[in-house]
Amino acid sequence: MKEYYNLKELEGLVDLKTRQLKYRMKKVKEKYKNDDRLYRDKKQWNIHKSIIFEFDRKKISKDARICKTNTLVTINPDGNYDVEYNYQLLKDLIRDLNIAIGIHVTCDYYIEQGERGQKFHTHFTTNLTPKFSRLIYRYANVYTRCNVDVRCVYEEWQLLDYLQKEIAAQGTITC
């Protein structure tokens, strides 16, 4: 890796176009005006590798946000099944998804009992995007008929309070 980059070279490193880099350069040169990590040589700026982060995109695009999201899946099997059955159903689902799509699938699961001691159901967050919701529906219903809900989660920390309300079992499964 080089020590110094010019704006043209930065275009390949960060997710900004030339015009956006020039606008960003205005702010960066004000911030680093008395610093030797940024200097002008002839007609081009030389930017030290330690301040490249200043040129990162502030707002991420919709596609990038979708790729970075986790998905919350709720599986509610029809019938009164115990914690062990829900766990086995989840393990089989994750294993089948991993085989079908060939992507390393991880999930953090929370098995909880419904209101007033009713049936157990499972919530889990996974690294798959909602584009895989059809596969999740299909594989969740292979062993037992289930109600399945798949939703995007943009901020997982907001969801944790809800998921940890009445836990019967929790853990992580990786395949």
N, C-alpha and C. Protein backbone atom coordinates (compact mmCIF):
# COMPACT_ATOMS: atom_id res chain seq x y z
N MET A 1 0.84 -1.18 0.00
CA MET A 1 0.00 0.00 0.00
C MET A 1 0.89 1.24 0.00
N LYS A 2 0.49 2.21 -0.81
CA LYS A 2 1.26 3.45 -0.92
C LYS A 2 1.08 4.31 0.32
N GLU A 3 1.95 5.28 0.48
CA GLU A 3 1.85 6.23 1.59
C GLU A 3 0.88 7.36 1.24
N TYR A 4 0.98 7.89 0.00
CA TYR A 4 0.17 9.03 -0.41
C TYR A 4 -0.61 8.68 -1.68
N TYR A 5 -1.82 9.19 -1.76
CA TYR A 5 -2.69 8.98 -2.92
C TYR A 5 -3.17 10.32 -3.44
N ASN A 6 -3.45 10.38 -4.73
CA ASN A 6 -4.10 11.58 -5.26
C ASN A 6 -5.60 11.29 -5.41
N LEU A 7 -6.37 12.31 -5.81
CA LEU A 7 -7.83 12.15 -5.89
C LEU A 7 -8.24 11.08 -6.90
N LYS A 8 -7.53 10.99 -7.99
CA LYS A 8 -7.86 10.01 -9.03
C LYS A 8 -7.69 8.58 -8.48
N GLU A 9 -6.63 8.37 -7.71
CA GLU A 9 -6.40 7.05 -7.12
C GLU A 9 -7.41 6.74 -6.02
N LEU A 10 -7.85 7.77 -5.31
CA LEU A 10 -8.85 7.58 -4.26
C LEU A 10 -10.18 7.10 -4.81
N GLU A 11 -10.48 7.46 -6.03
CA GLU A 11 -11.75 7.06 -6.64
C GLU A 11 -11.89 5.54 -6.68
N GLY A 12 -10.79 4.83 -6.83
CA GLY A 12 -10.82 3.38 -6.83
C GLY A 12 -10.87 2.78 -5.43
N LEU A 13 -10.49 3.56 -4.42
CA LEU A 13 -10.46 3.05 -3.05
C LEU A 13 -11.74 3.29 -2.27
N VAL A 14 -12.38 4.41 -2.51
CA VAL A 14 -13.60 4.75 -1.76
C VAL A 14 -14.78 4.74 -2.72
N ASP A 15 -15.96 4.75 -2.16
CA ASP A 15 -17.17 4.64 -2.96
C ASP A 15 -17.73 6.04 -3.31
N LEU A 16 -16.88 6.89 -3.86
CA LEU A 16 -17.30 8.23 -4.29
C LEU A 16 -16.78 8.49 -5.70
N LYS A 17 -17.52 9.26 -6.44
CA LYS A 17 -17.10 9.65 -7.79
C LYS A 17 -16.17 10.85 -7.70
N THR A 18 -15.55 11.23 -8.83
CA THR A 18 -14.58 12.31 -8.87
C THR A 18 -15.17 13.63 -8.37
N ARG A 19 -16.36 13.94 -8.83
CA ARG A 19 -17.01 15.20 -8.43
C ARG A 19 -17.26 15.23 -6.92
N GLN A 20 -17.74 14.12 -6.37
CA GLN A 20 -17.99 14.05 -4.93
C GLN A 20 -16.69 14.16 -4.14
N LEU A 21 -15.63 13.57 -4.67
CA LEU A 21 -14.33 13.66 -4.00
C LEU A 21 -13.83 15.10 -3.95
N LYS A 22 -14.08 15.84 -5.02
CA LYS A 22 -13.65 17.25 -5.03
C LYS A 22 -14.40 18.06 -3.98
N TYR A 23 -15.70 17.82 -3.86
CA TYR A 23 -16.47 18.51 -2.82
C TYR A 23 -15.99 18.12 -1.43
N ARG A 24 -15.69 16.86 -1.23
CA ARG A 24 -15.22 16.39 0.06
C ARG A 24 -13.84 16.96 0.35
N MET A 25 -13.03 17.15 -0.70
CA MET A 25 -11.68 17.68 -0.54
C MET A 25 -11.71 19.08 0.07
N LYS A 26 -12.75 19.85 -0.26
CA LYS A 26 -12.89 21.20 0.31
C LYS A 26 -12.92 21.14 1.83
N LYS A 27 -13.69 20.21 2.37
CA LYS A 27 -13.82 20.09 3.83
C LYS A 27 -12.55 19.51 4.44
N VAL A 28 -11.97 18.54 3.77
CA VAL A 28 -10.78 17.88 4.31
C VAL A 28 -9.59 18.84 4.34
N LYS A 29 -9.45 19.67 3.31
CA LYS A 29 -8.29 20.58 3.32
C LYS A 29 -8.43 21.66 4.39
N GLU A 30 -9.65 22.01 4.77
CA GLU A 30 -9.84 22.94 5.89
C GLU A 30 -9.45 22.27 7.20
N LYS A 31 -9.83 21.03 7.35
CA LYS A 31 -9.56 20.30 8.59
C LYS A 31 -8.06 20.02 8.77
N TYR A 32 -7.36 19.73 7.67
CA TYR A 32 -5.94 19.35 7.74
C TYR A 32 -5.03 20.40 7.11
N LYS A 33 -5.39 21.69 7.21
CA LYS A 33 -4.61 22.73 6.52
C LYS A 33 -3.20 22.90 7.09
N ASN A 34 -3.00 22.63 8.35
CA ASN A 34 -1.65 22.76 8.94
C ASN A 34 -1.05 21.41 9.25
N ASP A 35 -1.41 20.42 8.48
CA ASP A 35 -0.94 19.06 8.72
C ASP A 35 -0.16 18.58 7.49
N ASP A 36 0.93 17.86 7.71
CA ASP A 36 1.73 17.40 6.58
C ASP A 36 1.18 16.10 5.97
N ARG A 37 0.04 15.61 6.47
CA ARG A 37 -0.58 14.43 5.86
C ARG A 37 -1.37 14.79 4.60
N LEU A 38 -1.53 16.08 4.35
CA LEU A 38 -2.24 16.55 3.17
C LEU A 38 -1.48 17.74 2.60
N TYR A 39 -1.01 17.60 1.39
CA TYR A 39 -0.29 18.72 0.77
C TYR A 39 -0.54 18.70 -0.73
N ARG A 40 -0.33 19.87 -1.33
CA ARG A 40 -0.53 20.03 -2.77
C ARG A 40 0.82 20.07 -3.46
N ASP A 41 0.96 19.22 -4.47
CA ASP A 41 2.20 19.14 -5.23
C ASP A 41 1.84 19.39 -6.69
N LYS A 42 2.32 20.52 -7.24
CA LYS A 42 1.96 20.95 -8.59
C LYS A 42 0.45 21.13 -8.67
N LYS A 43 -0.25 20.31 -9.47
CA LYS A 43 -1.69 20.50 -9.63
C LYS A 43 -2.51 19.39 -8.98
N GLN A 44 -1.90 18.61 -8.11
CA GLN A 44 -2.67 17.53 -7.49
C GLN A 44 -2.44 17.48 -5.99
N TRP A 45 -3.46 17.00 -5.30
CA TRP A 45 -3.38 16.83 -3.86
C TRP A 45 -2.79 15.47 -3.55
N ASN A 46 -1.95 15.43 -2.52
CA ASN A 46 -1.40 14.19 -2.01
C ASN A 46 -2.01 13.95 -0.63
N ILE A 47 -2.70 12.82 -0.51
CA ILE A 47 -3.46 12.50 0.70
C ILE A 47 -2.82 11.27 1.35
N HIS A 48 -2.44 11.43 2.61
CA HIS A 48 -1.81 10.32 3.33
C HIS A 48 -2.84 9.23 3.60
N LYS A 49 -2.37 7.98 3.67
CA LYS A 49 -3.27 6.84 3.84
C LYS A 49 -4.01 6.86 5.18
N SER A 50 -3.49 7.57 6.15
CA SER A 50 -4.13 7.62 7.47
C SER A 50 -5.38 8.50 7.49
N ILE A 51 -5.58 9.34 6.46
CA ILE A 51 -6.78 10.18 6.45
C ILE A 51 -7.73 9.82 5.30
N ILE A 52 -7.55 8.67 4.71
CA ILE A 52 -8.46 8.24 3.65
C ILE A 52 -9.88 8.06 4.17
N PHE A 53 -10.01 7.72 5.46
CA PHE A 53 -11.34 7.54 6.04
C PHE A 53 -12.21 8.80 5.92
N GLU A 54 -11.59 9.95 5.78
CA GLU A 54 -12.34 11.20 5.62
C GLU A 54 -13.13 11.22 4.32
N PHE A 55 -12.77 10.37 3.38
CA PHE A 55 -13.42 10.34 2.08
C PHE A 55 -14.45 9.20 1.96
N ASP A 56 -14.70 8.51 3.06
CA ASP A 56 -15.72 7.46 3.02
C ASP A 56 -17.10 8.07 2.85
N ARG A 57 -17.98 7.30 2.25
CA ARG A 57 -19.36 7.75 2.04
C ARG A 57 -20.04 7.92 3.40
N LYS A 58 -20.73 9.05 3.57
CA LYS A 58 -21.42 9.32 4.83
C LYS A 58 -22.73 8.55 4.92
N LYS A 59 -23.50 8.57 3.84
CA LYS A 59 -24.76 7.84 3.79
C LYS A 59 -24.56 6.67 2.84
N ILE A 60 -24.97 5.49 3.27
CA ILE A 60 -24.81 4.34 2.39
C ILE A 60 -26.04 4.19 1.51
N SER A 61 -25.85 3.61 0.36
CA SER A 61 -26.94 3.46 -0.60
C SER A 61 -27.91 2.39 -0.10
N LYS A 62 -29.09 2.34 -0.73
CA LYS A 62 -30.11 1.38 -0.34
C LYS A 62 -29.61 -0.05 -0.54
N ASP A 63 -28.95 -0.31 -1.65
CA ASP A 63 -28.44 -1.66 -1.90
C ASP A 63 -27.39 -2.06 -0.88
N ALA A 64 -26.51 -1.14 -0.53
CA ALA A 64 -25.48 -1.43 0.45
C ALA A 64 -26.10 -1.67 1.82
N ARG A 65 -27.15 -0.90 2.14
CA ARG A 65 -27.82 -1.06 3.42
C ARG A 65 -28.50 -2.43 3.49
N ILE A 66 -29.11 -2.87 2.38
CA ILE A 66 -29.75 -4.18 2.36
C ILE A 66 -28.73 -5.29 2.55
N CYS A 67 -27.56 -5.13 1.96
CA CYS A 67 -26.52 -6.16 2.11
C CYS A 67 -25.98 -6.21 3.53
N LYS A 68 -26.04 -5.11 4.25
CA LYS A 68 -25.51 -5.09 5.61
C LYS A 68 -26.54 -5.46 6.66
N THR A 69 -27.80 -5.61 6.26
CA THR A 69 -28.84 -5.87 7.25
C THR A 69 -28.84 -7.31 7.69
N ASN A 70 -29.40 -7.51 8.83
CA ASN A 70 -29.73 -8.84 9.30
C ASN A 70 -31.22 -9.02 9.09
N THR A 71 -31.67 -10.24 9.21
CA THR A 71 -33.07 -10.55 9.03
C THR A 71 -33.58 -11.21 10.30
N LEU A 72 -34.74 -10.76 10.76
CA LEU A 72 -35.40 -11.39 11.89
C LEU A 72 -36.42 -12.37 11.33
N VAL A 73 -36.34 -13.61 11.77
CA VAL A 73 -37.28 -14.64 11.34
C VAL A 73 -37.98 -15.17 12.58
N THR A 74 -39.30 -15.27 12.52
CA THR A 74 -40.08 -15.86 13.60
C THR A 74 -40.73 -17.11 13.05
N ILE A 75 -40.53 -18.22 13.72
CA ILE A 75 -41.14 -19.49 13.33
C ILE A 75 -42.07 -19.94 14.46
N ASN A 76 -43.33 -20.12 14.12
CA ASN A 76 -44.32 -20.55 15.08
C ASN A 76 -44.94 -21.85 14.58
N PRO A 77 -44.45 -23.02 15.03
CA PRO A 77 -44.97 -24.29 14.52
C PRO A 77 -46.42 -24.51 14.96
N ASP A 78 -47.22 -25.09 14.05
CA ASP A 78 -48.59 -25.47 14.40
C ASP A 78 -48.52 -26.71 15.28
N GLY A 79 -49.04 -26.63 16.46
CA GLY A 79 -48.97 -27.74 17.40
C GLY A 79 -48.22 -27.32 18.64
N ASN A 80 -48.34 -28.10 19.68
CA ASN A 80 -47.72 -27.77 20.96
C ASN A 80 -46.40 -28.53 21.09
N TYR A 81 -45.32 -27.96 20.57
CA TYR A 81 -44.01 -28.61 20.58
C TYR A 81 -43.13 -27.98 21.66
N ASP A 82 -42.22 -28.76 22.22
CA ASP A 82 -41.37 -28.29 23.30
C ASP A 82 -40.12 -27.57 22.77
N VAL A 83 -39.27 -27.15 23.69
CA VAL A 83 -38.07 -26.39 23.35
C VAL A 83 -37.12 -27.22 22.49
N GLU A 84 -36.94 -28.49 22.82
CA GLU A 84 -36.02 -29.35 22.07
C GLU A 84 -36.46 -29.49 20.62
N TYR A 85 -37.78 -29.62 20.40
CA TYR A 85 -38.27 -29.75 19.03
C TYR A 85 -38.02 -28.46 18.24
N ASN A 86 -38.28 -27.32 18.87
CA ASN A 86 -38.03 -26.04 18.20
C ASN A 86 -36.56 -25.87 17.86
N TYR A 87 -35.69 -26.29 18.76
CA TYR A 87 -34.25 -26.19 18.52
C TYR A 87 -33.84 -27.10 17.35
N GLN A 88 -34.35 -28.32 17.33
CA GLN A 88 -34.02 -29.25 16.25
C GLN A 88 -34.55 -28.74 14.91
N LEU A 89 -35.75 -28.17 14.92
CA LEU A 89 -36.32 -27.59 13.70
C LEU A 89 -35.43 -26.47 13.17
N LEU A 90 -34.94 -25.63 14.07
CA LEU A 90 -34.08 -24.52 13.68
C LEU A 90 -32.73 -25.03 13.14
N LYS A 91 -32.13 -26.01 13.82
CA LYS A 91 -30.86 -26.57 13.34
C LYS A 91 -31.01 -27.16 11.94
N ASP A 92 -32.11 -27.89 11.72
CA ASP A 92 -32.34 -28.49 10.40
C ASP A 92 -32.56 -27.41 9.35
N LEU A 93 -33.29 -26.37 9.70
CA LEU A 93 -33.54 -25.26 8.78
C LEU A 93 -32.23 -24.59 8.37
N ILE A 94 -31.38 -24.27 9.32
CA ILE A 94 -30.11 -23.60 9.02
C ILE A 94 -29.21 -24.51 8.20
N ARG A 95 -29.15 -25.79 8.53
CA ARG A 95 -28.33 -26.74 7.76
C ARG A 95 -28.83 -26.83 6.31
N ASP A 96 -30.15 -26.94 6.12
CA ASP A 96 -30.72 -27.04 4.77
C ASP A 96 -30.48 -25.77 3.96
N LEU A 97 -30.62 -24.61 4.60
CA LEU A 97 -30.36 -23.34 3.91
C LEU A 97 -28.90 -23.25 3.49
N ASN A 98 -28.02 -23.65 4.37
CA ASN A 98 -26.59 -23.60 4.07
C ASN A 98 -26.26 -24.48 2.86
N ILE A 99 -26.84 -25.66 2.81
CA ILE A 99 -26.60 -26.57 1.69
C ILE A 99 -27.20 -26.01 0.41
N ALA A 100 -28.41 -25.43 0.50
CA ALA A 100 -29.12 -24.96 -0.70
C ALA A 100 -28.46 -23.75 -1.34
N ILE A 101 -27.99 -22.79 -0.54
CA ILE A 101 -27.49 -21.55 -1.12
C ILE A 101 -25.97 -21.46 -1.14
N GLY A 102 -25.30 -22.29 -0.36
CA GLY A 102 -23.84 -22.30 -0.38
C GLY A 102 -23.21 -21.10 0.29
N ILE A 103 -23.96 -20.38 1.12
CA ILE A 103 -23.43 -19.23 1.87
C ILE A 103 -23.33 -19.64 3.33
N HIS A 104 -22.28 -19.19 3.99
CA HIS A 104 -22.12 -19.46 5.42
C HIS A 104 -23.25 -18.76 6.17
N VAL A 105 -24.11 -19.54 6.81
CA VAL A 105 -25.29 -19.00 7.49
C VAL A 105 -25.05 -19.05 8.99
N THR A 106 -25.27 -17.92 9.66
CA THR A 106 -25.21 -17.88 11.11
C THR A 106 -26.54 -17.38 11.64
N CYS A 107 -26.89 -17.81 12.83
CA CYS A 107 -28.12 -17.29 13.43
C CYS A 107 -27.99 -17.25 14.93
N ASP A 108 -28.56 -16.21 15.52
CA ASP A 108 -28.70 -16.09 16.96
C ASP A 108 -30.16 -16.34 17.25
N TYR A 109 -30.45 -17.35 18.04
CA TYR A 109 -31.85 -17.74 18.23
C TYR A 109 -32.31 -17.49 19.65
N TYR A 110 -33.62 -17.33 19.78
CA TYR A 110 -34.29 -17.12 21.04
C TYR A 110 -35.59 -17.94 20.99
N ILE A 111 -35.70 -18.97 21.81
CA ILE A 111 -36.91 -19.77 21.87
C ILE A 111 -37.69 -19.29 23.09
N GLU A 112 -38.93 -18.94 22.88
CA GLU A 112 -39.72 -18.42 24.00
C GLU A 112 -41.11 -19.03 23.98
N GLN A 113 -41.73 -18.96 25.14
CA GLN A 113 -43.08 -19.49 25.29
C GLN A 113 -44.07 -18.34 25.11
N GLY A 114 -45.16 -18.64 24.44
CA GLY A 114 -46.16 -17.61 24.18
C GLY A 114 -46.85 -17.13 25.44
N GLU A 115 -47.77 -16.21 25.26
CA GLU A 115 -48.50 -15.65 26.39
C GLU A 115 -49.28 -16.73 27.12
N ARG A 116 -49.36 -16.59 28.43
CA ARG A 116 -50.09 -17.51 29.30
C ARG A 116 -49.68 -18.97 29.12
N GLY A 117 -48.38 -19.20 28.92
CA GLY A 117 -47.87 -20.57 28.84
C GLY A 117 -48.28 -21.33 27.60
N GLN A 118 -48.56 -20.61 26.52
CA GLN A 118 -48.97 -21.29 25.29
C GLN A 118 -47.76 -21.87 24.57
N LYS A 119 -47.92 -22.17 23.31
CA LYS A 119 -46.91 -22.85 22.50
C LYS A 119 -45.58 -22.09 22.46
N PHE A 120 -44.51 -22.87 22.28
CA PHE A 120 -43.20 -22.28 22.10
C PHE A 120 -43.05 -21.82 20.65
N HIS A 121 -42.31 -20.74 20.47
CA HIS A 121 -41.97 -20.28 19.12
C HIS A 121 -40.54 -19.76 19.15
N THR A 122 -39.97 -19.60 17.97
CA THR A 122 -38.56 -19.25 17.85
C THR A 122 -38.40 -17.96 17.08
N HIS A 123 -37.57 -17.06 17.61
CA HIS A 123 -37.11 -15.87 16.88
C HIS A 123 -35.64 -16.10 16.61
N PHE A 124 -35.18 -15.74 15.43
CA PHE A 124 -33.74 -15.76 15.21
C PHE A 124 -33.36 -14.69 14.21
N THR A 125 -32.16 -14.15 14.41
CA THR A 125 -31.60 -13.20 13.46
C THR A 125 -30.55 -13.95 12.67
N THR A 126 -30.49 -13.65 11.39
CA THR A 126 -29.55 -14.34 10.51
C THR A 126 -28.88 -13.35 9.59
N ASN A 127 -27.75 -13.74 9.04
CA ASN A 127 -27.00 -12.87 8.14
C ASN A 127 -27.55 -12.86 6.73
N LEU A 128 -28.60 -13.63 6.46
CA LEU A 128 -29.22 -13.64 5.14
C LEU A 128 -30.10 -12.41 4.97
N THR A 129 -30.17 -11.90 3.76
CA THR A 129 -31.03 -10.76 3.47
C THR A 129 -32.44 -11.26 3.20
N PRO A 130 -33.43 -10.36 3.19
CA PRO A 130 -34.81 -10.76 2.91
C PRO A 130 -35.00 -11.36 1.52
N LYS A 131 -34.01 -11.25 0.65
CA LYS A 131 -34.12 -11.87 -0.67
C LYS A 131 -34.25 -13.38 -0.55
N PHE A 132 -33.85 -13.95 0.58
CA PHE A 132 -33.92 -15.39 0.79
C PHE A 132 -35.18 -15.81 1.53
N SER A 133 -36.17 -14.93 1.63
CA SER A 133 -37.36 -15.24 2.43
C SER A 133 -38.13 -16.44 1.87
N ARG A 134 -38.19 -16.59 0.56
CA ARG A 134 -38.88 -17.75 -0.02
C ARG A 134 -38.25 -19.06 0.41
N LEU A 135 -36.93 -19.10 0.37
CA LEU A 135 -36.23 -20.31 0.81
C LEU A 135 -36.48 -20.57 2.29
N ILE A 136 -36.48 -19.53 3.09
CA ILE A 136 -36.72 -19.69 4.53
C ILE A 136 -38.12 -20.25 4.75
N TYR A 137 -39.13 -19.71 4.05
CA TYR A 137 -40.50 -20.24 4.16
C TYR A 137 -40.53 -21.72 3.77
N ARG A 138 -39.90 -22.02 2.64
CA ARG A 138 -39.95 -23.39 2.12
C ARG A 138 -39.31 -24.38 3.09
N TYR A 139 -38.10 -24.08 3.54
CA TYR A 139 -37.39 -25.02 4.40
C TYR A 139 -37.97 -25.07 5.82
N ALA A 140 -38.57 -24.00 6.29
CA ALA A 140 -39.19 -24.03 7.62
C ALA A 140 -40.41 -24.94 7.63
N ASN A 141 -41.10 -25.08 6.51
CA ASN A 141 -42.31 -25.89 6.44
C ASN A 141 -42.06 -27.32 5.96
N VAL A 142 -40.81 -27.72 5.82
CA VAL A 142 -40.51 -29.09 5.37
C VAL A 142 -40.90 -30.10 6.44
N TYR A 143 -40.53 -29.86 7.68
CA TYR A 143 -40.72 -30.83 8.74
C TYR A 143 -42.07 -30.69 9.45
N THR A 144 -42.50 -29.50 9.68
CA THR A 144 -43.75 -29.22 10.38
C THR A 144 -44.37 -27.99 9.76
N ARG A 145 -45.67 -27.96 9.70
CA ARG A 145 -46.34 -26.77 9.19
C ARG A 145 -46.12 -25.62 10.18
N CYS A 146 -45.65 -24.49 9.67
CA CYS A 146 -45.27 -23.37 10.53
C CYS A 146 -45.80 -22.06 9.97
N ASN A 147 -46.05 -21.13 10.85
CA ASN A 147 -46.24 -19.73 10.45
C ASN A 147 -44.85 -19.10 10.50
N VAL A 148 -44.45 -18.46 9.41
CA VAL A 148 -43.11 -17.89 9.32
C VAL A 148 -43.22 -16.41 8.97
N ASP A 149 -42.49 -15.58 9.68
CA ASP A 149 -42.46 -14.15 9.42
C ASP A 149 -41.01 -13.74 9.23
N VAL A 150 -40.71 -13.07 8.11
CA VAL A 150 -39.34 -12.63 7.80
C VAL A 150 -39.35 -11.12 7.66
N ARG A 151 -38.49 -10.44 8.42
CA ARG A 151 -38.42 -8.97 8.40
C ARG A 151 -36.98 -8.50 8.41
N CYS A 152 -36.78 -7.32 7.85
CA CYS A 152 -35.46 -6.67 7.88
C CYS A 152 -35.20 -6.11 9.27
N VAL A 153 -33.96 -6.18 9.68
CA VAL A 153 -33.53 -5.54 10.91
C VAL A 153 -32.36 -4.64 10.56
N TYR A 154 -32.53 -3.34 10.69
CA TYR A 154 -31.45 -2.41 10.36
C TYR A 154 -30.59 -2.11 11.58
N GLU A 155 -31.19 -2.08 12.75
CA GLU A 155 -30.46 -1.83 13.99
C GLU A 155 -30.76 -2.97 14.96
N GLU A 156 -29.86 -3.93 15.05
CA GLU A 156 -30.12 -5.12 15.84
C GLU A 156 -30.22 -4.80 17.33
N TRP A 157 -29.52 -3.80 17.80
CA TRP A 157 -29.54 -3.47 19.22
C TRP A 157 -30.92 -3.03 19.67
N GLN A 158 -31.74 -2.47 18.77
CA GLN A 158 -33.10 -2.07 19.13
C GLN A 158 -34.00 -3.29 19.34
N LEU A 159 -33.65 -4.38 18.72
CA LEU A 159 -34.46 -5.58 18.76
C LEU A 159 -34.18 -6.45 19.98
N LEU A 160 -33.00 -6.31 20.58
CA LEU A 160 -32.59 -7.22 21.64
C LEU A 160 -33.50 -7.19 22.86
N ASP A 161 -34.01 -6.03 23.25
CA ASP A 161 -34.92 -5.97 24.40
C ASP A 161 -36.17 -6.80 24.15
N TYR A 162 -36.69 -6.71 22.94
CA TYR A 162 -37.89 -7.48 22.61
C TYR A 162 -37.60 -8.98 22.62
N LEU A 163 -36.47 -9.38 22.06
CA LEU A 163 -36.16 -10.79 21.94
C LEU A 163 -35.86 -11.45 23.28
N GLN A 164 -35.40 -10.71 24.25
CA GLN A 164 -34.99 -11.29 25.51
C GLN A 164 -36.04 -11.19 26.61
N LYS A 165 -37.31 -11.07 26.23
CA LYS A 165 -38.35 -10.87 27.25
C LYS A 165 -38.69 -12.14 28.02
N GLU A 166 -38.96 -13.26 27.35
CA GLU A 166 -39.35 -14.50 28.03
C GLU A 166 -38.63 -15.68 27.39
N ILE A 167 -37.34 -15.73 27.55
CA ILE A 167 -36.52 -16.73 26.85
C ILE A 167 -36.59 -18.06 27.59
N ALA A 168 -36.82 -19.12 26.81
CA ALA A 168 -36.71 -20.48 27.35
C ALA A 168 -35.35 -21.07 26.98
N ALA A 169 -34.81 -20.65 25.82
CA ALA A 169 -33.48 -21.08 25.38
C ALA A 169 -32.93 -20.06 24.42
N GLN A 170 -31.62 -19.90 24.38
CA GLN A 170 -30.99 -18.99 23.42
C GLN A 170 -29.59 -19.48 23.11
N GLY A 171 -29.07 -19.04 21.96
CA GLY A 171 -27.74 -19.45 21.57
C GLY A 171 -27.43 -19.02 20.15
N THR A 172 -26.36 -19.57 19.61
CA THR A 172 -25.92 -19.25 18.24
C THR A 172 -25.69 -20.56 17.50
N ILE A 173 -26.13 -20.58 16.23
CA ILE A 173 -25.89 -21.74 15.37
C ILE A 173 -25.14 -21.24 14.15
N THR A 174 -24.05 -21.91 13.81
CA THR A 174 -23.32 -21.59 12.58
C THR A 174 -23.18 -22.85 11.75
N CYS A 175 -23.26 -22.69 10.46
CA CYS A 175 -23.08 -23.82 9.53
C CYS A 175 -22.08 -23.44 8.47
